[in-house]
Amino acid sequence: NYYIRDLPTKVKEKVQINISKVPAGMFDLEVYKVGYLSNDPNTTYFDMGRPKQLTKDQVLKIKETNNGSSIYYEKISVKKDTPFQKEFEIRENDVFLLTLTKIYDDN
């Protein structure tokens, strides 16, 4: 027999993202995150009291709460010969995905 408990993560530090050789232009920046309480179905299930059988409503809540949507969106402008830079706070076991989608060229 074992005891299961919630172990919140701790803030580690800030992470500076620097990407060089990004072509000049306007971009949509989207940030996706998986980690504690962010696209984390296990913690949602834990918060429900770990039922042996999930109801349809509970399954729907888990899916809606952890749907993989981005946590941050911004339109950014990148100048010629200037690296893209962004800073994020990171917690233990966080995983981030950043996407830059070009809207138009700055030529």
C-alpha atoms as a PDB file:
ATOM      1  CA  ASN A   1       0.000   0.000   0.000  1.00  0.00           C
ATOM      2  CA  TYR A   2       1.389   3.424  -0.878  1.00  0.00           C
ATOM      3  CA  TYR A   3       0.355   7.002  -0.397  1.00  0.00           C
ATOM      4  CA  ILE A   4      -0.085   9.264  -3.434  1.00  0.00           C
ATOM      5  CA  ARG A   5       0.239  12.989  -2.933  1.00  0.00           C
ATOM      6  CA  ASP A   6       0.423  16.086  -5.068  1.00  0.00           C
ATOM      7  CA  LEU A   7       3.975  17.387  -5.505  1.00  0.00           C
ATOM      8  CA  PRO A   8       3.852  20.893  -6.996  1.00  0.00           C
ATOM      9  CA  THR A   9       6.890  21.884  -8.999  1.00  0.00           C
ATOM     10  CA  LYS A  10       9.268  24.663  -8.051  1.00  0.00           C
ATOM     11  CA  VAL A  11      10.381  27.601 -10.151  1.00  0.00           C
ATOM     12  CA  LYS A  12      13.876  26.863 -11.448  1.00  0.00           C
ATOM     13  CA  GLU A  13      14.898  30.064 -13.196  1.00  0.00           C
ATOM     14  CA  LYS A  14      14.285  32.126 -16.281  1.00  0.00           C
ATOM     15  CA  VAL A  15      15.362  30.791 -19.642  1.00  0.00           C
ATOM     16  CA  GLN A  16      16.518  33.115 -22.406  1.00  0.00           C
ATOM     17  CA  ILE A  17      15.729  31.921 -25.936  1.00  0.00           C
ATOM     18  CA  ASN A  18      18.024  33.314 -28.652  1.00  0.00           C
ATOM     19  CA  ILE A  19      17.492  32.254 -32.260  1.00  0.00           C
ATOM     20  CA  SER A  20      19.840  33.694 -34.845  1.00  0.00           C
ATOM     21  CA  LYS A  21      19.382  33.852 -38.621  1.00  0.00           C
ATOM     22  CA  VAL A  22      15.611  34.261 -38.454  1.00  0.00           C
ATOM     23  CA  PRO A  23      14.616  36.018 -41.691  1.00  0.00           C
ATOM     24  CA  ALA A  24      13.267  39.544 -41.342  1.00  0.00           C
ATOM     25  CA  GLY A  25       9.500  39.806 -41.212  1.00  0.00           C
ATOM     26  CA  MET A  26       6.381  39.551 -39.109  1.00  0.00           C
ATOM     27  CA  PHE A  27       5.667  36.301 -37.293  1.00  0.00           C
ATOM     28  CA  ASP A  28       3.027  34.702 -35.118  1.00  0.00           C
ATOM     29  CA  LEU A  29       4.763  33.348 -32.016  1.00  0.00           C
ATOM     30  CA  GLU A  30       2.912  30.583 -30.203  1.00  0.00           C
ATOM     31  CA  VAL A  31       4.195  28.878 -27.065  1.00  0.00           C
ATOM     32  CA  TYR A  32       2.990  25.462 -25.951  1.00  0.00           C
ATOM     33  CA  LYS A  33       3.792  23.941 -22.579  1.00  0.00           C
ATOM     34  CA  VAL A  34       3.525  20.570 -20.884  1.00  0.00           C
ATOM     35  CA  GLY A  35       4.201  20.474 -17.160  1.00  0.00           C
ATOM     36  CA  TYR A  36       2.581  20.665 -13.770  1.00  0.00           C
ATOM     37  CA  LEU A  37      -1.006  21.959 -14.164  1.00  0.00           C
ATOM     38  CA  SER A  38      -0.385  22.707 -17.832  1.00  0.00           C
ATOM     39  CA  ASN A  39      -1.593  20.037 -20.254  1.00  0.00           C
ATOM     40  CA  ASP A  40      -1.333  17.710 -17.254  1.00  0.00           C
ATOM     41  CA  PRO A  41      -4.222  15.205 -17.276  1.00  0.00           C
ATOM     42  CA  ASN A  42      -2.727  13.213 -14.397  1.00  0.00           C
ATOM     43  CA  THR A  43      -2.995  16.144 -11.962  1.00  0.00           C
ATOM     44  CA  THR A  44      -6.524  16.920 -13.179  1.00  0.00           C
ATOM     45  CA  TYR A  45      -7.462  13.286 -12.482  1.00  0.00           C
ATOM     46  CA  PHE A  46      -5.736  13.509  -9.065  1.00  0.00           C
ATOM     47  CA  ASP A  47      -7.713  16.676  -8.234  1.00  0.00           C
ATOM     48  CA  MET A  48     -10.925  14.751  -9.017  1.00  0.00           C
ATOM     49  CA  GLY A  49     -10.064  12.326  -6.213  1.00  0.00           C
ATOM     50  CA  ARG A  50      -8.691   9.606  -8.536  1.00  0.00           C
ATOM     51  CA  PRO A  51     -12.037   7.905  -9.203  1.00  0.00           C
ATOM     52  CA  LYS A  52     -11.902   4.211 -10.171  1.00  0.00           C
ATOM     53  CA  GLN A  53     -14.356   4.891 -13.010  1.00  0.00           C
ATOM     54  CA  LEU A  54     -14.553   8.243 -14.789  1.00  0.00           C
ATOM     55  CA  THR A  55     -17.913   9.651 -15.800  1.00  0.00           C
ATOM     56  CA  LYS A  56     -18.440  11.133 -19.265  1.00  0.00           C
ATOM     57  CA  ASP A  57     -18.404  14.620 -17.697  1.00  0.00           C
ATOM     58  CA  GLN A  58     -15.087  13.898 -15.951  1.00  0.00           C
ATOM     59  CA  VAL A  59     -13.534  12.654 -19.190  1.00  0.00           C
ATOM     60  CA  LEU A  60     -14.771  15.790 -20.946  1.00  0.00           C
ATOM     61  CA  LYS A  61     -13.308  17.990 -18.174  1.00  0.00           C
ATOM     62  CA  ILE A  62      -9.910  16.243 -18.447  1.00  0.00           C
ATOM     63  CA  LYS A  63      -9.925  16.697 -22.241  1.00  0.00           C
ATOM     64  CA  GLU A  64     -10.998  20.352 -22.079  1.00  0.00           C
ATOM     65  CA  THR A  65      -8.508  21.254 -19.354  1.00  0.00           C
ATOM     66  CA  ASN A  66      -5.596  19.530 -21.113  1.00  0.00           C
ATOM     67  CA  ASN A  67      -6.367  20.197 -24.771  1.00  0.00           C
ATOM     68  CA  GLY A  68      -2.843  21.090 -25.931  1.00  0.00           C
ATOM     69  CA  SER A  69      -3.672  24.689 -26.788  1.00  0.00           C
ATOM     70  CA  SER A  70      -0.963  27.327 -26.662  1.00  0.00           C
ATOM     71  CA  ILE A  71      -0.311  29.175 -23.413  1.00  0.00           C
ATOM     72  CA  TYR A  72       0.995  32.329 -25.088  1.00  0.00           C
ATOM     73  CA  TYR A  73       0.507  34.146 -28.395  1.00  0.00           C
ATOM     74  CA  GLU A  74       2.142  37.268 -29.768  1.00  0.00           C
ATOM     75  CA  LYS A  75       2.751  38.910 -33.145  1.00  0.00           C
ATOM     76  CA  ILE A  76       6.446  39.733 -33.390  1.00  0.00           C
ATOM     77  CA  SER A  77       8.614  41.673 -35.783  1.00  0.00           C
ATOM     78  CA  VAL A  78      12.106  40.412 -36.560  1.00  0.00           C
ATOM     79  CA  LYS A  79      14.594  42.870 -38.050  1.00  0.00           C
ATOM     80  CA  LYS A  80      17.300  41.867 -40.512  1.00  0.00           C
ATOM     81  CA  ASP A  81      20.444  40.448 -38.829  1.00  0.00           C
ATOM     82  CA  THR A  82      18.797  40.642 -35.383  1.00  0.00           C
ATOM     83  CA  PRO A  83      18.274  37.441 -33.399  1.00  0.00           C
ATOM     84  CA  PHE A  84      14.872  36.613 -31.968  1.00  0.00           C
ATOM     85  CA  GLN A  85      14.977  36.735 -28.149  1.00  0.00           C
ATOM     86  CA  LYS A  86      12.373  35.815 -25.550  1.00  0.00           C
ATOM     87  CA  GLU A  87      12.537  35.011 -21.848  1.00  0.00           C
ATOM     88  CA  PHE A  88      10.383  32.457 -20.014  1.00  0.00           C
ATOM     89  CA  GLU A  89      10.086  31.345 -16.430  1.00  0.00           C
ATOM     90  CA  ILE A  90      10.620  27.606 -16.242  1.00  0.00           C
ATOM     91  CA  ARG A  91       9.575  25.170 -13.537  1.00  0.00           C
ATOM     92  CA  GLU A  92      10.785  21.670 -12.805  1.00  0.00           C
ATOM     93  CA  ASN A  93       9.850  19.212 -15.570  1.00  0.00           C
ATOM     94  CA  ASP A  94       8.374  21.847 -17.915  1.00  0.00           C
ATOM     95  CA  VAL A  95       8.660  21.249 -21.637  1.00  0.00           C
ATOM     96  CA  PHE A  96       8.090  24.125 -24.084  1.00  0.00           C
ATOM     97  CA  LEU A  97       7.497  24.250 -27.817  1.00  0.00           C
ATOM     98  CA  LEU A  98       7.818  27.613 -29.581  1.00  0.00           C
ATOM     99  CA  THR A  99       6.544  28.060 -33.119  1.00  0.00           C
ATOM    100  CA  LEU A 100       7.257  31.013 -35.379  1.00  0.00           C
ATOM    101  CA  THR A 101       4.914  31.252 -38.346  1.00  0.00           C
ATOM    102  CA  LYS A 102       5.792  33.885 -40.918  1.00  0.00           C
ATOM    103  CA  ILE A 103       2.984  36.288 -41.727  1.00  0.00           C
ATOM    104  CA  TYR A 104       4.873  38.400 -44.247  1.00  0.00           C
ATOM    105  CA  ASP A 105       8.395  39.462 -45.266  1.00  0.00           C
ATOM    106  CA  ASP A 106       9.969  42.755 -44.172  1.00  0.00           C
ATOM    107  CA  ASN A 107      11.818  43.366 -47.444  1.00  0.00           C
END
